[in-house]
Amino acid sequence: MLYELIGIVRPGNLAEVKEIVLTAGQLVLQQGGVIRSVANWGVFALPKAISKHQMRHFNGHYFVMRYDAGASTQEAVRSTLALDPRVIRSSSVKLGDGKLETLSRFGQVRWDRTG
């Protein structure tokens, strides 16, 4: 299955974002998955303030990762990110069923900064 993971990490340190993406990517690869793309969207204001780990966050560093893997891998990535105190929020969405014609509909991850 093709999944899209959108993660929001506390801003301020790009090395933390890289480390979190690396951890998630290694989990996918260790369980036989394939990473299709990774995109760094940068720091943006959150739609509303989020309290996490006794801190209140108003901004977050966004990243997107698309990967092919099974449901158990997606669950492992989700639970690993949920336990990391640097992650403010993350969400995974199943984009397709893994068939080639379905996968070909999805191009690069885009971000419209004008909207």
N, C-alpha and C. Protein backbone atom coordinates (compact mmCIF):
# COMPACT_ATOMS: atom_id res chain seq x y z
N MET A 1 0.83 -1.18 0.00
CA MET A 1 0.00 0.00 0.00
C MET A 1 0.88 1.25 0.00
N LEU A 2 0.40 2.27 -0.65
CA LEU A 2 1.11 3.54 -0.68
C LEU A 2 0.57 4.43 0.43
N TYR A 3 1.47 4.90 1.28
CA TYR A 3 1.09 5.77 2.40
C TYR A 3 1.79 7.11 2.25
N GLU A 4 1.15 8.15 2.78
CA GLU A 4 1.76 9.46 2.87
C GLU A 4 1.77 9.86 4.34
N LEU A 5 2.96 10.12 4.85
CA LEU A 5 3.14 10.53 6.24
C LEU A 5 3.44 12.02 6.26
N ILE A 6 2.65 12.77 7.00
CA ILE A 6 2.92 14.19 7.21
C ILE A 6 3.27 14.34 8.68
N GLY A 7 4.46 14.87 8.93
CA GLY A 7 4.92 15.04 10.30
C GLY A 7 5.19 16.49 10.61
N ILE A 8 4.94 16.86 11.86
CA ILE A 8 5.24 18.21 12.34
C ILE A 8 6.17 18.05 13.53
N VAL A 9 7.35 18.63 13.40
CA VAL A 9 8.39 18.52 14.42
C VAL A 9 8.59 19.90 15.04
N ARG A 10 8.98 19.94 16.31
CA ARG A 10 9.22 21.24 16.94
C ARG A 10 10.31 21.97 16.16
N PRO A 11 10.11 23.25 15.89
CA PRO A 11 11.04 23.99 15.04
C PRO A 11 12.32 24.37 15.77
N GLY A 12 13.31 24.79 15.00
CA GLY A 12 14.53 25.31 15.61
C GLY A 12 15.77 24.53 15.27
N ASN A 13 15.65 23.23 15.01
CA ASN A 13 16.83 22.43 14.76
C ASN A 13 16.56 21.49 13.58
N LEU A 14 17.16 21.79 12.44
CA LEU A 14 16.96 20.98 11.24
C LEU A 14 17.52 19.57 11.42
N ALA A 15 18.56 19.42 12.24
CA ALA A 15 19.15 18.10 12.48
C ALA A 15 18.13 17.17 13.14
N GLU A 16 17.27 17.71 14.01
CA GLU A 16 16.23 16.88 14.63
C GLU A 16 15.26 16.36 13.59
N VAL A 17 14.89 17.21 12.65
CA VAL A 17 13.95 16.81 11.60
C VAL A 17 14.58 15.70 10.76
N LYS A 18 15.84 15.88 10.38
CA LYS A 18 16.53 14.86 9.59
C LYS A 18 16.61 13.54 10.34
N GLU A 19 16.87 13.61 11.63
CA GLU A 19 16.98 12.40 12.44
C GLU A 19 15.64 11.67 12.54
N ILE A 20 14.56 12.41 12.67
CA ILE A 20 13.23 11.80 12.76
C ILE A 20 12.85 11.16 11.43
N VAL A 21 13.12 11.85 10.32
CA VAL A 21 12.83 11.29 9.00
C VAL A 21 13.69 10.05 8.76
N LEU A 22 14.94 10.09 9.18
CA LEU A 22 15.83 8.94 9.04
C LEU A 22 15.31 7.75 9.84
N THR A 23 14.85 7.98 11.06
CA THR A 23 14.30 6.91 11.89
C THR A 23 13.07 6.29 11.24
N ALA A 24 12.16 7.13 10.75
CA ALA A 24 10.96 6.62 10.09
C ALA A 24 11.32 5.87 8.82
N GLY A 25 12.26 6.41 8.05
CA GLY A 25 12.68 5.75 6.82
C GLY A 25 13.34 4.41 7.07
N GLN A 26 14.17 4.33 8.10
CA GLN A 26 14.82 3.06 8.43
C GLN A 26 13.80 2.02 8.86
N LEU A 27 12.78 2.43 9.58
CA LEU A 27 11.71 1.50 9.96
C LEU A 27 11.02 0.92 8.73
N VAL A 28 10.73 1.78 7.77
CA VAL A 28 10.07 1.33 6.54
C VAL A 28 10.97 0.34 5.79
N LEU A 29 12.25 0.69 5.65
CA LEU A 29 13.17 -0.16 4.90
C LEU A 29 13.44 -1.48 5.60
N GLN A 30 13.55 -1.47 6.92
CA GLN A 30 13.81 -2.70 7.67
C GLN A 30 12.67 -3.70 7.55
N GLN A 31 11.47 -3.20 7.34
CA GLN A 31 10.31 -4.09 7.25
C GLN A 31 9.92 -4.36 5.80
N GLY A 32 10.84 -4.10 4.87
CA GLY A 32 10.62 -4.46 3.47
C GLY A 32 9.87 -3.45 2.65
N GLY A 33 9.72 -2.23 3.14
CA GLY A 33 9.01 -1.19 2.40
C GLY A 33 9.93 -0.43 1.47
N VAL A 34 9.35 0.46 0.68
CA VAL A 34 10.09 1.28 -0.27
C VAL A 34 9.69 2.73 -0.05
N ILE A 35 10.68 3.61 0.08
CA ILE A 35 10.42 5.03 0.24
C ILE A 35 10.34 5.65 -1.15
N ARG A 36 9.22 6.29 -1.45
CA ARG A 36 9.01 6.90 -2.77
C ARG A 36 9.51 8.34 -2.83
N SER A 37 9.28 9.11 -1.78
CA SER A 37 9.75 10.50 -1.78
C SER A 37 9.74 11.05 -0.36
N VAL A 38 10.60 12.04 -0.16
CA VAL A 38 10.65 12.78 1.10
C VAL A 38 10.71 14.26 0.72
N ALA A 39 9.89 15.07 1.36
CA ALA A 39 9.88 16.51 1.09
C ALA A 39 9.94 17.28 2.40
N ASN A 40 10.77 18.31 2.41
CA ASN A 40 10.89 19.20 3.56
C ASN A 40 10.09 20.46 3.26
N TRP A 41 9.03 20.68 3.99
CA TRP A 41 8.18 21.85 3.74
C TRP A 41 8.63 23.07 4.53
N GLY A 42 9.44 22.89 5.55
CA GLY A 42 9.93 24.02 6.32
C GLY A 42 9.05 24.36 7.51
N VAL A 43 9.30 25.53 8.10
CA VAL A 43 8.62 25.95 9.32
C VAL A 43 7.42 26.84 8.95
N PHE A 44 6.27 26.49 9.53
CA PHE A 44 5.04 27.25 9.33
C PHE A 44 4.30 27.36 10.64
N ALA A 45 3.42 28.35 10.71
CA ALA A 45 2.54 28.49 11.88
C ALA A 45 1.54 27.33 11.87
N LEU A 46 1.26 26.80 13.04
CA LEU A 46 0.26 25.74 13.16
C LEU A 46 -1.13 26.35 13.04
N PRO A 47 -2.10 25.60 12.54
CA PRO A 47 -3.47 26.14 12.44
C PRO A 47 -4.02 26.61 13.79
N LYS A 48 -3.65 25.90 14.84
CA LYS A 48 -3.99 26.32 16.20
C LYS A 48 -2.88 25.84 17.12
N ALA A 49 -2.75 26.47 18.25
CA ALA A 49 -1.70 26.09 19.20
C ALA A 49 -1.92 24.66 19.68
N ILE A 50 -0.82 23.90 19.80
CA ILE A 50 -0.89 22.51 20.22
C ILE A 50 -0.04 22.34 21.48
N SER A 51 -0.62 21.72 22.49
CA SER A 51 0.12 21.40 23.71
C SER A 51 0.58 19.95 23.62
N LYS A 52 1.89 19.75 23.76
CA LYS A 52 2.45 18.41 23.68
C LYS A 52 3.67 18.36 24.59
N HIS A 53 3.74 17.35 25.44
CA HIS A 53 4.86 17.15 26.36
C HIS A 53 5.12 18.40 27.20
N GLN A 54 4.08 18.94 27.77
CA GLN A 54 4.11 20.09 28.67
C GLN A 54 4.69 21.35 28.02
N MET A 55 4.56 21.43 26.70
CA MET A 55 4.99 22.62 25.96
C MET A 55 3.86 23.05 25.05
N ARG A 56 3.77 24.34 24.81
CA ARG A 56 2.75 24.86 23.90
C ARG A 56 3.46 25.29 22.62
N HIS A 57 3.02 24.75 21.49
CA HIS A 57 3.67 25.01 20.20
C HIS A 57 2.76 25.87 19.32
N PHE A 58 3.36 26.88 18.70
CA PHE A 58 2.64 27.76 17.78
C PHE A 58 3.15 27.60 16.35
N ASN A 59 4.37 27.08 16.20
CA ASN A 59 4.98 26.84 14.89
C ASN A 59 5.47 25.40 14.84
N GLY A 60 5.63 24.89 13.64
CA GLY A 60 6.14 23.54 13.49
C GLY A 60 6.90 23.38 12.18
N HIS A 61 7.84 22.46 12.18
CA HIS A 61 8.61 22.14 10.97
C HIS A 61 7.94 20.94 10.30
N TYR A 62 7.41 21.15 9.11
CA TYR A 62 6.64 20.13 8.41
C TYR A 62 7.53 19.31 7.47
N PHE A 63 7.25 18.00 7.38
CA PHE A 63 7.88 17.15 6.37
C PHE A 63 6.85 16.15 5.88
N VAL A 64 7.08 15.63 4.67
CA VAL A 64 6.18 14.65 4.06
C VAL A 64 7.03 13.50 3.55
N MET A 65 6.58 12.27 3.81
CA MET A 65 7.27 11.09 3.29
C MET A 65 6.23 10.16 2.69
N ARG A 66 6.44 9.76 1.45
CA ARG A 66 5.58 8.76 0.81
C ARG A 66 6.33 7.44 0.76
N TYR A 67 5.64 6.37 1.12
CA TYR A 67 6.30 5.07 1.13
C TYR A 67 5.30 3.96 0.85
N ASP A 68 5.82 2.87 0.28
CA ASP A 68 5.05 1.64 0.06
C ASP A 68 5.41 0.67 1.16
N ALA A 69 4.40 0.16 1.85
CA ALA A 69 4.64 -0.80 2.92
C ALA A 69 3.32 -1.43 3.34
N GLY A 70 3.41 -2.41 4.19
CA GLY A 70 2.21 -3.05 4.72
C GLY A 70 1.62 -2.27 5.88
N ALA A 71 0.46 -2.71 6.31
CA ALA A 71 -0.23 -2.03 7.41
C ALA A 71 0.55 -2.12 8.71
N SER A 72 1.26 -3.22 8.93
CA SER A 72 2.03 -3.36 10.17
C SER A 72 3.19 -2.37 10.21
N THR A 73 3.79 -2.09 9.06
CA THR A 73 4.87 -1.11 8.99
C THR A 73 4.33 0.29 9.27
N GLN A 74 3.19 0.60 8.70
CA GLN A 74 2.57 1.90 8.93
C GLN A 74 2.27 2.08 10.41
N GLU A 75 1.78 1.05 11.05
CA GLU A 75 1.49 1.10 12.49
C GLU A 75 2.76 1.30 13.30
N ALA A 76 3.86 0.64 12.90
CA ALA A 76 5.14 0.78 13.60
C ALA A 76 5.67 2.21 13.47
N VAL A 77 5.57 2.78 12.28
CA VAL A 77 6.02 4.16 12.08
C VAL A 77 5.17 5.12 12.91
N ARG A 78 3.87 4.91 12.89
CA ARG A 78 2.96 5.77 13.65
C ARG A 78 3.26 5.73 15.14
N SER A 79 3.44 4.53 15.68
CA SER A 79 3.68 4.41 17.12
C SER A 79 5.06 4.95 17.51
N THR A 80 6.05 4.77 16.65
CA THR A 80 7.39 5.30 16.94
C THR A 80 7.38 6.82 16.98
N LEU A 81 6.71 7.44 16.01
CA LEU A 81 6.64 8.90 16.00
C LEU A 81 5.81 9.44 17.16
N ALA A 82 4.80 8.71 17.57
CA ALA A 82 3.96 9.15 18.69
C ALA A 82 4.75 9.18 20.00
N LEU A 83 5.75 8.32 20.12
CA LEU A 83 6.55 8.27 21.35
C LEU A 83 7.70 9.27 21.38
N ASP A 84 8.04 9.85 20.24
CA ASP A 84 9.16 10.78 20.16
C ASP A 84 8.72 12.15 20.68
N PRO A 85 9.38 12.68 21.71
CA PRO A 85 8.95 13.97 22.28
C PRO A 85 9.20 15.17 21.35
N ARG A 86 10.02 14.99 20.32
CA ARG A 86 10.29 16.09 19.38
C ARG A 86 9.17 16.27 18.36
N VAL A 87 8.34 15.23 18.19
CA VAL A 87 7.27 15.27 17.20
C VAL A 87 6.04 15.91 17.84
N ILE A 88 5.53 16.96 17.21
CA ILE A 88 4.33 17.63 17.70
C ILE A 88 3.09 16.86 17.25
N ARG A 89 3.06 16.48 15.98
CA ARG A 89 1.91 15.76 15.44
C ARG A 89 2.36 15.03 14.19
N SER A 90 1.75 13.87 13.92
CA SER A 90 1.99 13.16 12.66
C SER A 90 0.71 12.47 12.24
N SER A 91 0.59 12.27 10.94
CA SER A 91 -0.60 11.63 10.40
C SER A 91 -0.22 10.85 9.15
N SER A 92 -0.77 9.65 9.02
CA SER A 92 -0.55 8.83 7.83
C SER A 92 -1.87 8.63 7.11
N VAL A 93 -1.79 8.69 5.79
CA VAL A 93 -2.97 8.49 4.95
C VAL A 93 -2.62 7.45 3.90
N LYS A 94 -3.52 6.48 3.70
CA LYS A 94 -3.32 5.49 2.65
C LYS A 94 -3.76 6.12 1.33
N LEU A 95 -2.83 6.18 0.36
CA LEU A 95 -3.13 6.82 -0.91
C LEU A 95 -3.58 5.83 -1.98
N GLY A 96 -3.12 4.60 -1.91
CA GLY A 96 -3.46 3.65 -2.97
C GLY A 96 -3.33 2.22 -2.52
N ASP A 97 -3.68 1.34 -3.43
CA ASP A 97 -3.69 -0.08 -3.11
C ASP A 97 -2.42 -0.80 -3.54
N GLY A 98 -1.44 -0.08 -4.05
CA GLY A 98 -0.18 -0.69 -4.43
C GLY A 98 -0.11 -1.12 -5.89
N LYS A 99 -1.18 -0.95 -6.65
CA LYS A 99 -1.18 -1.31 -8.06
C LYS A 99 -0.56 -0.19 -8.88
N LEU A 100 0.11 -0.56 -9.96
CA LEU A 100 0.87 0.40 -10.75
C LEU A 100 0.01 1.53 -11.30
N GLU A 101 -1.18 1.21 -11.79
CA GLU A 101 -2.02 2.29 -12.35
C GLU A 101 -2.47 3.26 -11.28
N THR A 102 -2.64 2.78 -10.06
CA THR A 102 -3.00 3.68 -8.96
C THR A 102 -1.82 4.55 -8.57
N LEU A 103 -0.63 3.95 -8.49
CA LEU A 103 0.56 4.69 -8.08
C LEU A 103 0.94 5.75 -9.10
N SER A 104 0.66 5.51 -10.37
CA SER A 104 1.06 6.46 -11.40
C SER A 104 0.26 7.77 -11.33
N ARG A 105 -0.87 7.77 -10.64
CA ARG A 105 -1.67 9.00 -10.51
C ARG A 105 -1.03 10.02 -9.58
N PHE A 106 -0.19 9.55 -8.67
CA PHE A 106 0.40 10.45 -7.67
C PHE A 106 1.78 10.88 -8.14
N GLY A 107 1.97 12.18 -8.29
CA GLY A 107 3.26 12.71 -8.70
C GLY A 107 4.05 13.16 -7.48
N GLN A 108 4.81 14.22 -7.67
CA GLN A 108 5.59 14.76 -6.57
C GLN A 108 4.68 15.38 -5.52
N VAL A 109 5.18 15.42 -4.31
CA VAL A 109 4.46 16.10 -3.23
C VAL A 109 4.63 17.59 -3.45
N ARG A 110 3.52 18.31 -3.55
CA ARG A 110 3.58 19.75 -3.80
C ARG A 110 3.05 20.51 -2.61
N TRP A 111 3.52 21.72 -2.48
CA TRP A 111 3.04 22.59 -1.41
C TRP A 111 2.80 23.96 -2.01
N ASP A 112 1.56 24.43 -1.94
CA ASP A 112 1.21 25.73 -2.48
C ASP A 112 1.34 26.76 -1.36
N ARG A 113 2.40 27.54 -1.41
CA ARG A 113 2.66 28.51 -0.34
C ARG A 113 1.85 29.79 -0.51
N THR A 114 1.14 29.93 -1.62
CA THR A 114 0.38 31.16 -1.86
C THR A 114 -1.01 31.10 -1.25
N GLY A 115 -1.54 29.87 -1.00
CA GLY A 115 -2.91 29.66 -0.60
C GLY A 115 -3.29 30.12 0.72
